[in-house]
Amino acid sequence: MSKRSEYIFLGLCGVLAVVMIRYRVNQLWILVAILLLGYLFTMQVPKLEAYLWRRKYGGELRDPFRAEVIHDGRLVAILTDRVFTEMFWRRYRIEPVDEFGDGVISDDSLWEVCRFTFRDPLTGSVCQTGFAGGPPPYIRDGRISLRGLLFPPTTNQKET
């Protein structure tokens, strides 16, 4: 829970307690009301905050993961088999779609300047914020480490 949510929760508990004491409500009901507020804030507010963050910044695709790698409007590779490596970094299996795609994704200078976009094949939403990490060569053993593959929410995606 964020600090802002904690302050709102404490303020509401205080106001509730003062109002209930002012109108001489039984102390047991004050305790029940504060516990109910505590439940709502600890269980529901984090979900709301996560939903608002995803709505603003987007989110990762669900498993089984599959995304298309686009360069200058042309499909060059497919990303699959996502592995969570660190807090923000993911490793993906990258498979070129043809010889042209193999040449493009093997060019480390394109990865250094983030010349790729990523598309969800199911919804068509496009992520332009992904970038490769680590030193060149970026693709090793058919895998690449990427960060920031956040796809904007669409009406077809379910919120969790």
Foldseek 3Di string as FASTA:
>chain_A
DDPVLVVVLVVVLVVLVVVCVVVPHDVVVSVVVNVVSVCCSVPPVVLVVVVVVCQVQAAADDPQDKKFKDAPRDTFWIWGDWDDDDDFKIKTQIGTPDPVSVVVLQPQVCLVVQRIKMADPVPRFIHSPKGFDDDPPQADPRMGMIGDRGTNDDPPDDRD
